[in-house]
């Protein structure tokens, strides 16, 4: 178990492929004090985090989605029930 410096939140071993920027982003998003949490000063604070370096925020909505769920109807929540969504994603490992 790894303690990321966030009170009372323990993580399983951090995967090798997780970048230091990703670890830092997660840790800062989970800061308990909402006034100190990343994003407390607005979305631009989150966008400026090194994890998002290279993201063109002006065109991000024009990019094709990496994953589009196939749902049976408007209330289908099967992707959230048991991890099935991971088996359907072409980006899952």
Foldseek 3Di string as FASTA:
>chain_A
DDDLPAPPDDDDPDDPPQDPLNSVLVSQCRHPPCCRHQQSVHPVSSCPRPVNPPDDVVCPVVDDDQDDDDAPDPPGPVCPPPVVVLVVGPPHD
